[in-house]
Amino acid sequence: MKTTACNGQDVAKISDVEGKGMCKNPAYVHYLKRCIQWRMEHEK
């Protein structure tokens, strides 16, 4: 069983392997990827 939402909020499984990620909301996945990219670029 995989969680797709929790307390009314979307949940995403992100993978660097194409097709292995999972989320019902593509806009949320895009947002998460932008957040992760920003973090990688600004990490000390």
PDB file of N, CA and C in Angstrom:
ATOM      1  N   MET A   1       0.851  -1.171   0.000  1.00  0.00           N
ATOM      2  CA  MET A   1       0.000   0.000   0.000  1.00  0.00           C
ATOM      3  C   MET A   1       0.899   1.236   0.000  1.00  0.00           C
ATOM      4  N   LYS A   2       0.538   2.218  -0.793  1.00  0.00           N
ATOM      5  CA  LYS A   2       1.290   3.463  -0.845  1.00  0.00           C
ATOM      6  C   LYS A   2       0.361   4.626  -0.527  1.00  0.00           C
ATOM      7  N   THR A   3       0.863   5.548   0.254  1.00  0.00           N
ATOM      8  CA  THR A   3       0.091   6.724   0.650  1.00  0.00           C
ATOM      9  C   THR A   3       0.080   7.725  -0.499  1.00  0.00           C
ATOM     10  N   THR A   4      -1.088   8.264  -0.825  1.00  0.00           N
ATOM     11  CA  THR A   4      -1.202   9.286  -1.866  1.00  0.00           C
ATOM     12  C   THR A   4      -1.637  10.628  -1.299  1.00  0.00           C
ATOM     13  N   ALA A   5      -2.159  10.611  -0.065  1.00  0.00           N
ATOM     14  CA  ALA A   5      -2.559  11.844   0.604  1.00  0.00           C
ATOM     15  C   ALA A   5      -2.563  11.597   2.106  1.00  0.00           C
ATOM     16  N   CYS A   6      -2.346  12.673   2.861  1.00  0.00           N
ATOM     17  CA  CYS A   6      -2.366  12.577   4.317  1.00  0.00           C
ATOM     18  C   CYS A   6      -2.943  13.872   4.870  1.00  0.00           C
ATOM     19  N   ASN A   7      -3.982  13.749   5.664  1.00  0.00           N
ATOM     20  CA  ASN A   7      -4.651  14.915   6.247  1.00  0.00           C
ATOM     21  C   ASN A   7      -5.037  15.947   5.186  1.00  0.00           C
ATOM     22  N   GLY A   8      -5.472  15.468   4.029  1.00  0.00           N
ATOM     23  CA  GLY A   8      -5.922  16.358   2.964  1.00  0.00           C
ATOM     24  C   GLY A   8      -4.805  16.954   2.129  1.00  0.00           C
ATOM     25  N   GLN A   9      -3.556  16.587   2.398  1.00  0.00           N
ATOM     26  CA  GLN A   9      -2.414  17.114   1.652  1.00  0.00           C
ATOM     27  C   GLN A   9      -1.846  16.033   0.740  1.00  0.00           C
ATOM     28  N   ASP A  10      -1.357  16.444  -0.431  1.00  0.00           N
ATOM     29  CA  ASP A  10      -0.743  15.490  -1.344  1.00  0.00           C
ATOM     30  C   ASP A  10       0.542  14.919  -0.760  1.00  0.00           C
ATOM     31  N   VAL A  11       0.847  13.702  -1.142  1.00  0.00           N
ATOM     32  CA  VAL A  11       2.078  13.017  -0.762  1.00  0.00           C
ATOM     33  C   VAL A  11       2.723  12.551  -2.058  1.00  0.00           C
ATOM     34  N   ALA A  12       4.039  12.629  -2.151  1.00  0.00           N
ATOM     35  CA  ALA A  12       4.720  12.223  -3.381  1.00  0.00           C
ATOM     36  C   ALA A  12       5.892  11.312  -3.071  1.00  0.00           C
ATOM     37  N   LYS A  13       6.083  10.336  -3.934  1.00  0.00           N
ATOM     38  CA  LYS A  13       7.290   9.518  -3.930  1.00  0.00           C
ATOM     39  C   LYS A  13       8.087  10.002  -5.131  1.00  0.00           C
ATOM     40  N   ILE A  14       9.280  10.516  -4.885  1.00  0.00           N
ATOM     41  CA  ILE A  14      10.108  11.056  -5.955  1.00  0.00           C
ATOM     42  C   ILE A  14      11.284  10.114  -6.175  1.00  0.00           C
ATOM     43  N   SER A  15      11.588   9.850  -7.440  1.00  0.00           N
ATOM     44  CA  SER A  15      12.695   8.976  -7.785  1.00  0.00           C
ATOM     45  C   SER A  15      13.488   9.605  -8.921  1.00  0.00           C
ATOM     46  N   ASP A  16      14.773   9.339  -8.962  1.00  0.00           N
ATOM     47  CA  ASP A  16      15.566   9.818 -10.092  1.00  0.00           C
ATOM     48  C   ASP A  16      15.476   8.852 -11.267  1.00  0.00           C
ATOM     49  N   VAL A  17      14.763   7.754 -11.098  1.00  0.00           N
ATOM     50  CA  VAL A  17      14.520   6.794 -12.176  1.00  0.00           C
ATOM     51  C   VAL A  17      13.152   7.105 -12.771  1.00  0.00           C
ATOM     52  N   GLU A  18      13.122   7.399 -14.063  1.00  0.00           N
ATOM     53  CA  GLU A  18      11.887   7.754 -14.750  1.00  0.00           C
ATOM     54  C   GLU A  18      10.829   6.667 -14.560  1.00  0.00           C
ATOM     55  N   GLY A  19       9.632   7.082 -14.192  1.00  0.00           N
ATOM     56  CA  GLY A  19       8.522   6.164 -14.056  1.00  0.00           C
ATOM     57  C   GLY A  19       8.360   5.546 -12.674  1.00  0.00           C
ATOM     58  N   LYS A  20       9.323   5.763 -11.776  1.00  0.00           N
ATOM     59  CA  LYS A  20       9.216   5.163 -10.445  1.00  0.00           C
ATOM     60  C   LYS A  20       8.590   6.103  -9.420  1.00  0.00           C
ATOM     61  N   GLY A  21       8.478   7.383  -9.750  1.00  0.00           N
ATOM     62  CA  GLY A  21       7.848   8.329  -8.839  1.00  0.00           C
ATOM     63  C   GLY A  21       6.345   8.131  -8.833  1.00  0.00           C
ATOM     64  N   MET A  22       5.703   8.680  -7.813  1.00  0.00           N
ATOM     65  CA  MET A  22       4.258   8.510  -7.732  1.00  0.00           C
ATOM     66  C   MET A  22       3.627   9.701  -7.018  1.00  0.00           C
ATOM     67  N   CYS A  23       2.650  10.303  -7.661  1.00  0.00           N
ATOM     68  CA  CYS A  23       1.854  11.367  -7.051  1.00  0.00           C
ATOM     69  C   CYS A  23       0.671  11.637  -7.967  1.00  0.00           C
ATOM     70  N   LYS A  24      -0.479  11.880  -7.371  1.00  0.00           N
ATOM     71  CA  LYS A  24      -1.674  12.161  -8.165  1.00  0.00           C
ATOM     72  C   LYS A  24      -1.717  13.604  -8.652  1.00  0.00           C
ATOM     73  N   ASN A  25      -0.844  14.458  -8.125  1.00  0.00           N
ATOM     74  CA  ASN A  25      -0.867  15.886  -8.460  1.00  0.00           C
ATOM     75  C   ASN A  25       0.458  16.280  -9.123  1.00  0.00           C
ATOM     76  N   PRO A  26       0.501  16.371 -10.455  1.00  0.00           N
ATOM     77  CA  PRO A  26       1.752  16.710 -11.139  1.00  0.00           C
ATOM     78  C   PRO A  26       2.303  18.091 -10.755  1.00  0.00           C
ATOM     79  N   ALA A  27       1.430  19.028 -10.422  1.00  0.00           N
ATOM     80  CA  ALA A  27       1.896  20.361 -10.012  1.00  0.00           C
ATOM     81  C   ALA A  27       2.673  20.275  -8.695  1.00  0.00           C
ATOM     82  N   TYR A  28       2.248  19.391  -7.802  1.00  0.00           N
ATOM     83  CA  TYR A  28       2.944  19.212  -6.529  1.00  0.00           C
ATOM     84  C   TYR A  28       4.324  18.587  -6.744  1.00  0.00           C
ATOM     85  N   VAL A  29       4.419  17.632  -7.650  1.00  0.00           N
ATOM     86  CA  VAL A  29       5.712  17.020  -7.979  1.00  0.00           C
ATOM     87  C   VAL A  29       6.651  18.082  -8.539  1.00  0.00           C
ATOM     88  N   HIS A  30       6.157  18.923  -9.427  1.00  0.00           N
ATOM     89  CA  HIS A  30       6.970  20.000 -10.002  1.00  0.00           C
ATOM     90  C   HIS A  30       7.470  20.939  -8.902  1.00  0.00           C
ATOM     91  N   TYR A  31       6.595  21.292  -7.980  1.00  0.00           N
ATOM     92  CA  TYR A  31       6.964  22.146  -6.851  1.00  0.00           C
ATOM     93  C   TYR A  31       8.067  21.491  -6.004  1.00  0.00           C
ATOM     94  N   LEU A  32       7.910  20.225  -5.688  1.00  0.00           N
ATOM     95  CA  LEU A  32       8.912  19.520  -4.884  1.00  0.00           C
ATOM     96  C   LEU A  32      10.263  19.460  -5.589  1.00  0.00           C
ATOM     97  N   LYS A  33      10.242  19.191  -6.889  1.00  0.00           N
ATOM     98  CA  LYS A  33      11.495  19.132  -7.646  1.00  0.00           C
ATOM     99  C   LYS A  33      12.201  20.484  -7.641  1.00  0.00           C
ATOM    100  N   ARG A  34      11.419  21.582  -7.763  1.00  0.00           N
ATOM    101  CA  ARG A  34      12.015  22.925  -7.699  1.00  0.00           C
ATOM    102  C   ARG A  34      12.622  23.176  -6.324  1.00  0.00           C
ATOM    103  N   CYS A  35      11.930  22.757  -5.255  1.00  0.00           N
ATOM    104  CA  CYS A  35      12.438  22.936  -3.891  1.00  0.00           C
ATOM    105  C   CYS A  35      13.732  22.157  -3.682  1.00  0.00           C
ATOM    106  N   ILE A  36      13.764  20.929  -4.154  1.00  0.00           N
ATOM    107  CA  ILE A  36      14.964  20.100  -4.003  1.00  0.00           C
ATOM    108  C   ILE A  36      16.115  20.693  -4.794  1.00  0.00           C
ATOM    109  N   GLN A  37      15.847  21.145  -6.015  1.00  0.00           N
ATOM    110  CA  GLN A  37      16.895  21.753  -6.841  1.00  0.00           C
ATOM    111  C   GLN A  37      17.457  23.005  -6.164  1.00  0.00           C
ATOM    112  N   TRP A  38      16.575  23.843  -5.619  1.00  0.00           N
ATOM    113  CA  TRP A  38      17.030  25.053  -4.925  1.00  0.00           C
ATOM    114  C   TRP A  38      17.928  24.675  -3.760  1.00  0.00           C
ATOM    115  N   ARG A  39      17.507  23.676  -2.995  1.00  0.00           N
ATOM    116  CA  ARG A  39      18.283  23.234  -1.831  1.00  0.00           C
ATOM    117  C   ARG A  39      19.663  22.731  -2.235  1.00  0.00           C
ATOM    118  N   MET A  40      19.715  21.965  -3.328  1.00  0.00           N
ATOM    119  CA  MET A  40      20.997  21.427  -3.810  1.00  0.00           C
ATOM    120  C   MET A  40      21.922  22.555  -4.249  1.00  0.00           C
ATOM    121  N   GLU A  41      21.379  23.596  -4.841  1.00  0.00           N
ATOM    122  CA  GLU A  41      22.173  24.732  -5.320  1.00  0.00           C
ATOM    123  C   GLU A  41      22.639  25.638  -4.185  1.00  0.00           C
ATOM    124  N   HIS A  42      21.922  25.661  -3.064  1.00  0.00           N
ATOM    125  CA  HIS A  42      22.235  26.581  -1.966  1.00  0.00           C
ATOM    126  C   HIS A  42      22.767  25.888  -0.718  1.00  0.00           C
ATOM    127  N   GLU A  43      23.037  24.624  -0.814  1.00  0.00           N
ATOM    128  CA  GLU A  43      23.558  23.888   0.322  1.00  0.00           C
ATOM    129  C   GLU A  43      25.003  24.309   0.578  1.00  0.00           C
ATOM    130  N   LYS A  44      25.360  24.455   1.820  1.00  0.00           N
ATOM    131  CA  LYS A  44      26.730  24.907   2.167  1.00  0.00           C
ATOM    132  C   LYS A  44      27.698  23.771   2.232  1.00  0.00           C
TER     133      LYS A  44
END
